[in-house]
PDB file of all heavy atoms in Angstrom:
ATOM      1  N   GLN A   1     -17.718   5.591  24.510  1.00  0.00           N
ATOM      2  CA  GLN A   1     -18.128   6.229  23.211  1.00  0.00           C
ATOM      3  C   GLN A   1     -17.369   7.587  23.126  1.00  0.00           C
ATOM      4  O   GLN A   1     -17.064   8.045  22.050  1.00  0.00           O
ATOM      5  CB  GLN A   1     -19.595   6.397  23.174  1.00  0.00           C
ATOM      6  CG  GLN A   1     -20.250   7.307  24.238  1.00  0.00           C
ATOM      7  CD  GLN A   1     -21.765   7.346  24.083  1.00  0.00           C
ATOM      8  OE1 GLN A   1     -22.308   6.858  23.135  1.00  0.00           O
ATOM      9  NE2 GLN A   1     -22.415   7.910  25.078  1.00  0.00           N
ATOM     10  N   LEU A   2     -17.137   8.243  24.250  1.00  0.00           N
ATOM     11  CA  LEU A   2     -16.378   9.552  24.130  1.00  0.00           C
ATOM     12  C   LEU A   2     -14.947   9.251  23.694  1.00  0.00           C
ATOM     13  O   LEU A   2     -14.402  10.027  22.896  1.00  0.00           O
ATOM     14  CB  LEU A   2     -16.432  10.270  25.467  1.00  0.00           C
ATOM     15  CG  LEU A   2     -17.771  10.872  25.934  1.00  0.00           C
ATOM     16  CD1 LEU A   2     -17.658  11.383  27.402  1.00  0.00           C
ATOM     17  CD2 LEU A   2     -18.211  11.949  25.005  1.00  0.00           C
ATOM     18  N   ASN A   3     -14.378   8.172  24.224  1.00  0.00           N
ATOM     19  CA  ASN A   3     -13.062   7.847  23.827  1.00  0.00           C
ATOM     20  C   ASN A   3     -12.947   7.505  22.294  1.00  0.00           C
ATOM     21  O   ASN A   3     -11.966   7.839  21.686  1.00  0.00           O
ATOM     22  CB  ASN A   3     -12.501   6.700  24.668  1.00  0.00           C
ATOM     23  CG  ASN A   3     -12.224   7.048  26.098  1.00  0.00           C
ATOM     24  OD1 ASN A   3     -11.830   8.223  26.341  1.00  0.00           O
ATOM     25  ND2 ASN A   3     -12.285   6.131  27.015  1.00  0.00           N
ATOM     26  N   VAL A   4     -13.979   6.781  21.824  1.00  0.00           N
ATOM     27  CA  VAL A   4     -14.013   6.453  20.411  1.00  0.00           C
ATOM     28  C   VAL A   4     -14.071   7.686  19.593  1.00  0.00           C
ATOM     29  O   VAL A   4     -13.310   7.865  18.539  1.00  0.00           O
ATOM     30  CB  VAL A   4     -15.231   5.555  20.118  1.00  0.00           C
ATOM     31  CG1 VAL A   4     -15.392   5.431  18.577  1.00  0.00           C
ATOM     32  CG2 VAL A   4     -15.022   4.136  20.725  1.00  0.00           C
ATOM     33  N   ASN A   5     -14.898   8.660  19.900  1.00  0.00           N
ATOM     34  CA  ASN A   5     -15.028   9.919  19.139  1.00  0.00           C
ATOM     35  C   ASN A   5     -13.702  10.689  19.206  1.00  0.00           C
ATOM     36  O   ASN A   5     -13.253  11.238  18.213  1.00  0.00           O
ATOM     37  CB  ASN A   5     -16.172  10.727  19.735  1.00  0.00           C
ATOM     38  CG  ASN A   5     -17.491  10.144  19.423  1.00  0.00           C
ATOM     39  OD1 ASN A   5     -17.668   9.429  18.462  1.00  0.00           O
ATOM     40  ND2 ASN A   5     -18.432  10.403  20.305  1.00  0.00           N
ATOM     41  N   GLU A   6     -13.052  10.725  20.400  1.00  0.00           N
ATOM     42  CA  GLU A   6     -11.820  11.434  20.508  1.00  0.00           C
ATOM     43  C   GLU A   6     -10.698  10.792  19.726  1.00  0.00           C
ATOM     44  O   GLU A   6      -9.909  11.493  19.051  1.00  0.00           O
ATOM     45  CB  GLU A   6     -11.407  11.443  22.040  1.00  0.00           C
ATOM     46  CG  GLU A   6     -10.059  12.170  22.369  1.00  0.00           C
ATOM     47  CD  GLU A   6      -8.911  11.204  22.424  1.00  0.00           C
ATOM     48  OE1 GLU A   6      -9.175   9.982  22.556  1.00  0.00           O
ATOM     49  OE2 GLU A   6      -7.764  11.651  22.392  1.00  0.00           O
ATOM     50  N   ALA A   7     -10.661   9.411  19.667  1.00  0.00           N
ATOM     51  CA  ALA A   7      -9.652   8.762  18.870  1.00  0.00           C
ATOM     52  C   ALA A   7      -9.786   8.991  17.394  1.00  0.00           C
ATOM     53  O   ALA A   7      -8.860   9.149  16.660  1.00  0.00           O
ATOM     54  CB  ALA A   7      -9.674   7.276  19.192  1.00  0.00           C
ATOM     55  N   GLN A   8     -11.063   9.039  16.936  1.00  0.00           N
ATOM     56  CA  GLN A   8     -11.352   9.323  15.515  1.00  0.00           C
ATOM     57  C   GLN A   8     -10.763  10.687  15.151  1.00  0.00           C
ATOM     58  O   GLN A   8     -10.213  10.839  14.085  1.00  0.00           O
ATOM     59  CB  GLN A   8     -12.832   9.235  15.271  1.00  0.00           C
ATOM     60  CG  GLN A   8     -13.387   7.853  15.277  1.00  0.00           C
ATOM     61  CD  GLN A   8     -14.769   7.756  14.726  1.00  0.00           C
ATOM     62  OE1 GLN A   8     -15.019   7.337  13.613  1.00  0.00           O
ATOM     63  NE2 GLN A   8     -15.776   8.247  15.508  1.00  0.00           N
ATOM     64  N   GLU A   9     -10.957  11.657  16.066  1.00  0.00           N
ATOM     65  CA  GLU A   9     -10.464  12.990  15.725  1.00  0.00           C
ATOM     66  C   GLU A   9      -8.967  13.031  15.754  1.00  0.00           C
ATOM     67  O   GLU A   9      -8.339  13.749  14.947  1.00  0.00           O
ATOM     68  CB  GLU A   9     -11.041  13.988  16.790  1.00  0.00           C
ATOM     69  CG  GLU A   9     -12.560  14.133  16.706  1.00  0.00           C
ATOM     70  CD  GLU A   9     -13.106  15.046  17.755  1.00  0.00           C
ATOM     71  OE1 GLU A   9     -12.257  15.506  18.635  1.00  0.00           O
ATOM     72  OE2 GLU A   9     -14.339  15.298  17.797  1.00  0.00           O
ATOM     73  N   ARG A  10      -8.362  12.286  16.671  1.00  0.00           N
ATOM     74  CA  ARG A  10      -6.890  12.256  16.696  1.00  0.00           C
ATOM     75  C   ARG A  10      -6.297  11.596  15.481  1.00  0.00           C
ATOM     76  O   ARG A  10      -5.217  11.986  15.035  1.00  0.00           O
ATOM     77  CB  ARG A  10      -6.441  11.476  17.957  1.00  0.00           C
ATOM     78  CG  ARG A  10      -6.290  12.354  19.194  1.00  0.00           C
ATOM     79  CD  ARG A  10      -5.417  11.664  20.251  1.00  0.00           C
ATOM     80  NE  ARG A  10      -6.061  10.494  20.828  1.00  0.00           N
ATOM     81  CZ  ARG A  10      -5.447   9.380  20.965  1.00  0.00           C
ATOM     82  NH1 ARG A  10      -4.221   9.101  20.469  1.00  0.00           N
ATOM     83  NH2 ARG A  10      -6.014   8.293  21.511  1.00  0.00           N
ATOM     84  N   ILE A  11      -6.994  10.568  14.924  1.00  0.00           N
ATOM     85  CA  ILE A  11      -6.468   9.948  13.720  1.00  0.00           C
ATOM     86  C   ILE A  11      -6.377  10.871  12.600  1.00  0.00           C
ATOM     87  O   ILE A  11      -5.347  10.942  11.875  1.00  0.00           O
ATOM     88  CB  ILE A  11      -7.344   8.778  13.389  1.00  0.00           C
ATOM     89  CG1 ILE A  11      -7.208   7.615  14.416  1.00  0.00           C
ATOM     90  CG2 ILE A  11      -6.984   8.198  11.986  1.00  0.00           C
ATOM     91  CD1 ILE A  11      -8.106   6.390  14.206  1.00  0.00           C
ATOM     92  N   GLY A  12      -7.419  11.714  12.373  1.00  0.00           N
ATOM     93  CA  GLY A  12      -7.364  12.732  11.295  1.00  0.00           C
ATOM     94  C   GLY A  12      -6.281  13.728  11.542  1.00  0.00           C
ATOM     95  O   GLY A  12      -5.540  14.058  10.602  1.00  0.00           O
ATOM     96  N   ALA A  13      -6.110  14.155  12.719  1.00  0.00           N
ATOM     97  CA  ALA A  13      -5.047  15.198  13.016  1.00  0.00           C
ATOM     98  C   ALA A  13      -3.687  14.538  12.883  1.00  0.00           C
ATOM     99  O   ALA A  13      -2.762  15.154  12.354  1.00  0.00           O
ATOM    100  CB  ALA A  13      -5.290  15.720  14.420  1.00  0.00           C
ATOM    101  N   ALA A  14      -3.513  13.282  13.291  1.00  0.00           N
ATOM    102  CA  ALA A  14      -2.200  12.607  13.179  1.00  0.00           C
ATOM    103  C   ALA A  14      -1.835  12.348  11.738  1.00  0.00           C
ATOM    104  O   ALA A  14      -0.679  12.540  11.357  1.00  0.00           O
ATOM    105  CB  ALA A  14      -2.263  11.281  13.935  1.00  0.00           C
ATOM    106  N   GLN A  15      -2.838  12.010  10.904  1.00  0.00           N
ATOM    107  CA  GLN A  15      -2.526  11.850   9.428  1.00  0.00           C
ATOM    108  C   GLN A  15      -2.102  13.188   8.846  1.00  0.00           C
ATOM    109  O   GLN A  15      -1.166  13.168   7.997  1.00  0.00           O
ATOM    110  CB  GLN A  15      -3.689  11.275   8.740  1.00  0.00           C
ATOM    111  CG  GLN A  15      -4.070   9.838   9.132  1.00  0.00           C
ATOM    112  CD  GLN A  15      -5.385   9.373   8.510  1.00  0.00           C
ATOM    113  OE1 GLN A  15      -6.189  10.157   8.059  1.00  0.00           O
ATOM    114  NE2 GLN A  15      -5.600   8.080   8.552  1.00  0.00           N
ATOM    115  N   THR A  16      -2.652  14.263   9.221  1.00  0.00           N
ATOM    116  CA  THR A  16      -2.246  15.592   8.671  1.00  0.00           C
ATOM    117  C   THR A  16      -0.880  15.926   9.179  1.00  0.00           C
ATOM    118  O   THR A  16      -0.006  16.414   8.436  1.00  0.00           O
ATOM    119  CB  THR A  16      -3.220  16.627   9.205  1.00  0.00           C
ATOM    120  OG1 THR A  16      -4.544  16.347   8.747  1.00  0.00           O
ATOM    121  CG2 THR A  16      -2.848  18.062   8.679  1.00  0.00           C
ATOM    122  N   ALA A  17      -0.562  15.564  10.466  1.00  0.00           N
ATOM    123  CA  ALA A  17       0.787  15.828  10.964  1.00  0.00           C
ATOM    124  C   ALA A  17       1.810  14.989  10.212  1.00  0.00           C
ATOM    125  O   ALA A  17       2.967  15.459   9.976  1.00  0.00           O
ATOM    126  CB  ALA A  17       0.821  15.449  12.489  1.00  0.00           C
ATOM    127  N   VAL A  18       1.484  13.713   9.877  1.00  0.00           N
ATOM    128  CA  VAL A  18       2.473  12.928   9.161  1.00  0.00           C
ATOM    129  C   VAL A  18       2.800  13.511   7.748  1.00  0.00           C
ATOM    130  O   VAL A  18       3.944  13.554   7.336  1.00  0.00           O
ATOM    131  CB  VAL A  18       1.962  11.474   8.990  1.00  0.00           C
ATOM    132  CG1 VAL A  18       2.759  10.656   8.012  1.00  0.00           C
ATOM    133  CG2 VAL A  18       1.921  10.762  10.354  1.00  0.00           C
ATOM    134  N   ALA A  19       1.735  13.894   7.111  1.00  0.00           N
ATOM    135  CA  ALA A  19       1.967  14.546   5.800  1.00  0.00           C
ATOM    136  C   ALA A  19       2.808  15.800   5.878  1.00  0.00           C
ATOM    137  O   ALA A  19       3.742  15.956   5.082  1.00  0.00           O
ATOM    138  CB  ALA A  19       0.594  14.881   5.129  1.00  0.00           C
ATOM    139  N   SER A  20       2.562  16.645   6.877  1.00  0.00           N
ATOM    140  CA  SER A  20       3.406  17.846   7.058  1.00  0.00           C
ATOM    141  C   SER A  20       4.843  17.462   7.447  1.00  0.00           C
ATOM    142  O   SER A  20       5.761  18.115   6.942  1.00  0.00           O
ATOM    143  CB  SER A  20       2.739  18.744   8.134  1.00  0.00           C
ATOM    144  OG  SER A  20       1.497  19.183   7.766  1.00  0.00           O
ATOM    145  N   ALA A  21       5.016  16.481   8.331  1.00  0.00           N
ATOM    146  CA  ALA A  21       6.316  16.080   8.779  1.00  0.00           C
ATOM    147  C   ALA A  21       7.124  15.494   7.574  1.00  0.00           C
ATOM    148  O   ALA A  21       8.343  15.694   7.478  1.00  0.00           O
ATOM    149  CB  ALA A  21       6.250  15.125   9.920  1.00  0.00           C
ATOM    150  N   GLN A  22       6.443  14.733   6.703  1.00  0.00           N
ATOM    151  CA  GLN A  22       7.144  14.197   5.570  1.00  0.00           C
ATOM    152  C   GLN A  22       7.625  15.278   4.627  1.00  0.00           C
ATOM    153  O   GLN A  22       8.761  15.244   4.122  1.00  0.00           O
ATOM    154  CB  GLN A  22       6.191  13.230   4.817  1.00  0.00           C
ATOM    155  CG  GLN A  22       5.973  11.972   5.571  1.00  0.00           C
ATOM    156  CD  GLN A  22       4.996  11.095   4.867  1.00  0.00           C
ATOM    157  OE1 GLN A  22       4.142  11.577   4.061  1.00  0.00           O
ATOM    158  NE2 GLN A  22       4.967   9.760   5.153  1.00  0.00           N
ATOM    159  N   GLU A  23       6.843  16.305   4.380  1.00  0.00           N
ATOM    160  CA  GLU A  23       7.205  17.421   3.527  1.00  0.00           C
ATOM    161  C   GLU A  23       8.319  18.187   4.187  1.00  0.00           C
ATOM    162  O   GLU A  23       9.276  18.643   3.557  1.00  0.00           O
ATOM    163  CB  GLU A  23       5.973  18.311   3.289  1.00  0.00           C
ATOM    164  CG  GLU A  23       6.294  19.567   2.444  1.00  0.00           C
ATOM    165  CD  GLU A  23       6.710  19.159   1.044  1.00  0.00           C
ATOM    166  OE1 GLU A  23       6.486  18.030   0.577  1.00  0.00           O
ATOM    167  OE2 GLU A  23       7.262  20.075   0.332  1.00  0.00           O
ATOM    168  N   ASN A  24       8.309  18.422   5.502  1.00  0.00           N
ATOM    169  CA  ASN A  24       9.256  19.175   6.217  1.00  0.00           C
ATOM    170  C   ASN A  24      10.623  18.407   6.085  1.00  0.00           C
ATOM    171  O   ASN A  24      11.676  19.006   5.924  1.00  0.00           O
ATOM    172  CB  ASN A  24       8.867  19.352   7.627  1.00  0.00           C
ATOM    173  CG  ASN A  24       9.938  20.135   8.417  1.00  0.00           C
ATOM    174  OD1 ASN A  24      10.363  21.204   8.053  1.00  0.00           O
ATOM    175  ND2 ASN A  24      10.252  19.615   9.571  1.00  0.00           N
ATOM    176  N   PHE A  25      10.566  17.099   6.280  1.00  0.00           N
ATOM    177  CA  PHE A  25      11.780  16.309   6.183  1.00  0.00           C
ATOM    178  C   PHE A  25      12.391  16.357   4.755  1.00  0.00           C
ATOM    179  O   PHE A  25      13.626  16.465   4.580  1.00  0.00           O
ATOM    180  CB  PHE A  25      11.549  14.834   6.599  1.00  0.00           C
ATOM    181  CG  PHE A  25      12.778  13.990   6.499  1.00  0.00           C
ATOM    182  CD1 PHE A  25      13.802  14.060   7.356  1.00  0.00           C
ATOM    183  CD2 PHE A  25      12.908  13.041   5.340  1.00  0.00           C
ATOM    184  CE1 PHE A  25      14.926  13.224   7.253  1.00  0.00           C
ATOM    185  CE2 PHE A  25      13.975  12.309   5.267  1.00  0.00           C
ATOM    186  CZ  PHE A  25      15.012  12.350   6.223  1.00  0.00           C
ATOM    187  N   ARG A  26      11.523  16.282   3.799  1.00  0.00           N
ATOM    188  CA  ARG A  26      12.021  16.360   2.398  1.00  0.00           C
ATOM    189  C   ARG A  26      12.743  17.660   2.121  1.00  0.00           C
ATOM    190  O   ARG A  26      13.816  17.710   1.499  1.00  0.00           O
ATOM    191  CB  ARG A  26      10.794  16.171   1.449  1.00  0.00           C
ATOM    192  CG  ARG A  26      11.248  16.071  -0.029  1.00  0.00           C
ATOM    193  CD  ARG A  26      10.022  16.076  -0.930  1.00  0.00           C
ATOM    194  NE  ARG A  26       9.324  17.333  -0.879  1.00  0.00           N
ATOM    195  CZ  ARG A  26       9.679  18.436  -1.507  1.00  0.00           C
ATOM    196  NH1 ARG A  26      10.695  18.354  -2.333  1.00  0.00           N
ATOM    197  NH2 ARG A  26       8.973  19.526  -1.446  1.00  0.00           N
ATOM    198  N   LEU A  27      12.164  18.743   2.616  1.00  0.00           N
ATOM    199  CA  LEU A  27      12.780  20.061   2.379  1.00  0.00           C
ATOM    200  C   LEU A  27      14.130  20.190   3.157  1.00  0.00           C
ATOM    201  O   LEU A  27      15.132  20.701   2.637  1.00  0.00           O
ATOM    202  CB  LEU A  27      11.819  21.171   2.849  1.00  0.00           C
ATOM    203  CG  LEU A  27      10.542  21.321   2.022  1.00  0.00           C
ATOM    204  CD1 LEU A  27       9.612  22.363   2.628  1.00  0.00           C
ATOM    205  CD2 LEU A  27      10.889  21.676   0.599  1.00  0.00           C
ATOM    206  N   ALA A  28      14.101  19.684   4.436  1.00  0.00           N
ATOM    207  CA  ALA A  28      15.343  19.759   5.231  1.00  0.00           C
ATOM    208  C   ALA A  28      16.432  18.883   4.615  1.00  0.00           C
ATOM    209  O   ALA A  28      17.641  19.305   4.596  1.00  0.00           O
ATOM    210  CB  ALA A  28      15.068  19.282   6.641  1.00  0.00           C
ATOM    211  N   GLN A  29      16.066  17.729   4.062  1.00  0.00           N
ATOM    212  CA  GLN A  29      16.991  16.865   3.392  1.00  0.00           C
ATOM    213  C   GLN A  29      17.637  17.523   2.196  1.00  0.00           C
ATOM    214  O   GLN A  29      18.825  17.526   1.957  1.00  0.00           O
ATOM    215  CB  GLN A  29      16.352  15.547   2.974  1.00  0.00           C
ATOM    216  CG  GLN A  29      17.325  14.513   2.348  1.00  0.00           C
ATOM    217  CD  GLN A  29      18.212  13.870   3.403  1.00  0.00           C
ATOM    218  OE1 GLN A  29      17.688  13.248   4.308  1.00  0.00           O
ATOM    219  NE2 GLN A  29      19.474  14.041   3.315  1.00  0.00           N
ATOM    220  N   GLY A  30      16.708  18.233   1.386  1.00  0.00           N
ATOM    221  CA  GLY A  30      17.258  18.891   0.220  1.00  0.00           C
ATOM    222  C   GLY A  30      18.170  20.056   0.572  1.00  0.00           C
ATOM    223  O   GLY A  30      19.222  20.306  -0.051  1.00  0.00           O
ATOM    224  N   ARG A  31      17.836  20.802   1.685  1.00  0.00           N
ATOM    225  CA  ARG A  31      18.676  21.893   2.047  1.00  0.00           C
ATOM    226  C   ARG A  31      19.995  21.387   2.577  1.00  0.00           C
ATOM    227  O   ARG A  31      21.087  21.958   2.284  1.00  0.00           O
ATOM    228  CB  ARG A  31      17.968  22.698   3.135  1.00  0.00           C
ATOM    229  CG  ARG A  31      16.798  23.560   2.644  1.00  0.00           C
ATOM    230  CD  ARG A  31      16.056  24.108   3.766  1.00  0.00           C
ATOM    231  NE  ARG A  31      16.826  24.910   4.697  1.00  0.00           N
ATOM    232  CZ  ARG A  31      17.234  26.182   4.439  1.00  0.00           C
ATOM    233  NH1 ARG A  31      16.821  26.817   3.288  1.00  0.00           N
ATOM    234  NH2 ARG A  31      18.010  26.860   5.260  1.00  0.00           N
ATOM    235  N   PHE A  32      19.947  20.304   3.316  1.00  0.00           N
ATOM    236  CA  PHE A  32      21.204  19.770   3.809  1.00  0.00           C
ATOM    237  C   PHE A  32      22.090  19.258   2.679  1.00  0.00           C
ATOM    238  O   PHE A  32      23.353  19.482   2.684  1.00  0.00           O
ATOM    239  CB  PHE A  32      20.985  18.648   4.832  1.00  0.00           C
ATOM    240  CG  PHE A  32      22.181  18.080   5.478  1.00  0.00           C
ATOM    241  CD1 PHE A  32      22.774  18.792   6.524  1.00  0.00           C
ATOM    242  CD2 PHE A  32      22.772  16.896   5.010  1.00  0.00           C
ATOM    243  CE1 PHE A  32      24.013  18.247   7.096  1.00  0.00           C
ATOM    244  CE2 PHE A  32      23.868  16.387   5.657  1.00  0.00           C
ATOM    245  CZ  PHE A  32      24.490  17.016   6.645  1.00  0.00           C
ATOM    246  N   ASP A  33      21.509  18.559   1.755  1.00  0.00           N
ATOM    247  CA  ASP A  33      22.344  18.029   0.647  1.00  0.00           C
ATOM    248  C   ASP A  33      22.858  19.135  -0.232  1.00  0.00           C
ATOM    249  O   ASP A  33      23.931  19.018  -0.869  1.00  0.00           O
ATOM    250  CB  ASP A  33      21.420  17.089  -0.195  1.00  0.00           C
ATOM    251  CG  ASP A  33      21.046  15.823   0.536  1.00  0.00           C
ATOM    252  OD1 ASP A  33      21.721  15.530   1.495  1.00  0.00           O
ATOM    253  OD2 ASP A  33      20.080  15.185   0.115  1.00  0.00           O
ATOM    254  N   ALA A  34      22.089  20.281  -0.330  1.00  0.00           N
ATOM    255  CA  ALA A  34      22.574  21.423  -1.078  1.00  0.00           C
ATOM    256  C   ALA A  34      23.657  22.293  -0.353  1.00  0.00           C
ATOM    257  O   ALA A  34      24.180  23.177  -0.970  1.00  0.00           O
ATOM    258  CB  ALA A  34      21.402  22.302  -1.472  1.00  0.00           C
ATOM    259  N   GLY A  35      23.907  21.941   0.980  1.00  0.00           N
ATOM    260  CA  GLY A  35      24.860  22.679   1.715  1.00  0.00           C
ATOM    261  C   GLY A  35      24.358  23.910   2.384  1.00  0.00           C
ATOM    262  O   GLY A  35      25.181  24.643   2.855  1.00  0.00           O
ATOM    263  N   VAL A  36      23.085  24.217   2.294  1.00  0.00           N
ATOM    264  CA  VAL A  36      22.597  25.391   2.915  1.00  0.00           C
ATOM    265  C   VAL A  36      21.800  25.105   4.211  1.00  0.00           C
ATOM    266  O   VAL A  36      21.444  26.066   4.943  1.00  0.00           O
ATOM    267  CB  VAL A  36      21.619  26.182   1.869  1.00  0.00           C
ATOM    268  CG1 VAL A  36      22.426  26.612   0.693  1.00  0.00           C
ATOM    269  CG2 VAL A  36      20.421  25.238   1.539  1.00  0.00           C
ATOM    270  N   GLY A  37      21.559  23.894   4.531  1.00  0.00           N
ATOM    271  CA  GLY A  37      20.915  23.517   5.786  1.00  0.00           C
ATOM    272  C   GLY A  37      21.869  22.916   6.748  1.00  0.00           C
ATOM    273  O   GLY A  37      22.970  22.448   6.425  1.00  0.00           O
ATOM    274  N   THR A  38      21.445  22.946   7.992  1.00  0.00           N
ATOM    275  CA  THR A  38      22.327  22.441   9.099  1.00  0.00           C
ATOM    276  C   THR A  38      21.895  21.037   9.494  1.00  0.00           C
ATOM    277  O   THR A  38      20.752  20.597   9.269  1.00  0.00           O
ATOM    278  CB  THR A  38      22.245  23.325  10.359  1.00  0.00           C
ATOM    279  OG1 THR A  38      20.881  23.319  10.901  1.00  0.00           O
ATOM    280  CG2 THR A  38      22.596  24.778   9.976  1.00  0.00           C
ATOM    281  N   ILE A  39      22.854  20.329  10.189  1.00  0.00           N
ATOM    282  CA  ILE A  39      22.567  19.002  10.665  1.00  0.00           C
ATOM    283  C   ILE A  39      21.442  19.006  11.702  1.00  0.00           C
ATOM    284  O   ILE A  39      20.686  18.073  11.856  1.00  0.00           O
ATOM    285  CB  ILE A  39      23.807  18.265  11.132  1.00  0.00           C
ATOM    286  CG1 ILE A  39      23.547  16.801  11.433  1.00  0.00           C
ATOM    287  CG2 ILE A  39      24.326  19.044  12.392  1.00  0.00           C
ATOM    288  CD1 ILE A  39      23.193  15.942  10.262  1.00  0.00           C
ATOM    289  N   LEU A  40      21.440  20.070  12.500  1.00  0.00           N
ATOM    290  CA  LEU A  40      20.426  20.226  13.558  1.00  0.00           C
ATOM    291  C   LEU A  40      19.018  20.361  12.907  1.00  0.00           C
ATOM    292  O   LEU A  40      18.054  19.682  13.402  1.00  0.00           O
ATOM    293  CB  LEU A  40      20.678  21.452  14.417  1.00  0.00           C
ATOM    294  CG  LEU A  40      19.726  21.694  15.524  1.00  0.00           C
ATOM    295  CD1 LEU A  40      19.763  20.502  16.463  1.00  0.00           C
ATOM    296  CD2 LEU A  40      20.078  22.943  16.286  1.00  0.00           C
ATOM    297  N   GLU A  41      18.908  21.061  11.864  1.00  0.00           N
ATOM    298  CA  GLU A  41      17.659  21.212  11.183  1.00  0.00           C
ATOM    299  C   GLU A  41      17.244  19.863  10.542  1.00  0.00           C
ATOM    300  O   GLU A  41      16.024  19.495  10.635  1.00  0.00           O
ATOM    301  CB  GLU A  41      17.748  22.254  10.085  1.00  0.00           C
ATOM    302  CG  GLU A  41      16.553  22.431   9.214  1.00  0.00           C
ATOM    303  CD  GLU A  41      16.739  23.413   8.049  1.00  0.00           C
ATOM    304  OE1 GLU A  41      17.856  23.952   7.884  1.00  0.00           O
ATOM    305  OE2 GLU A  41      15.771  23.606   7.277  1.00  0.00           O
ATOM    306  N   LEU A  42      18.171  19.131  10.055  1.00  0.00           N
ATOM    307  CA  LEU A  42      17.850  17.795   9.402  1.00  0.00           C
ATOM    308  C   LEU A  42      17.422  16.807  10.471  1.00  0.00           C
ATOM    309  O   LEU A  42      16.402  16.112  10.281  1.00  0.00           O
ATOM    310  CB  LEU A  42      19.035  17.316   8.627  1.00  0.00           C
ATOM    311  CG  LEU A  42      18.797  15.927   7.944  1.00  0.00           C
ATOM    312  CD1 LEU A  42      17.683  15.960   6.930  1.00  0.00           C
ATOM    313  CD2 LEU A  42      20.121  15.512   7.249  1.00  0.00           C
ATOM    314  N   THR A  43      18.188  16.708  11.589  1.00  0.00           N
ATOM    315  CA  THR A  43      17.833  15.808  12.623  1.00  0.00           C
ATOM    316  C   THR A  43      16.479  16.129  13.307  1.00  0.00           C
ATOM    317  O   THR A  43      15.707  15.181  13.700  1.00  0.00           O
ATOM    318  CB  THR A  43      18.926  15.667  13.667  1.00  0.00           C
ATOM    319  OG1 THR A  43      19.196  17.027  14.195  1.00  0.00           O
ATOM    320  CG2 THR A  43      20.181  15.098  13.004  1.00  0.00           C
TER     321      THR A  43
END
């Protein structure tokens, strides 16, 4: 039951991390396409 509770909390945190990572990738992609971002930042 402790593992179940811990996994539930991790799912919420992981979903938040996915949303943030998607936005970060979108911004990095735009900066790279605009010529102001680096390939290291995009990768």
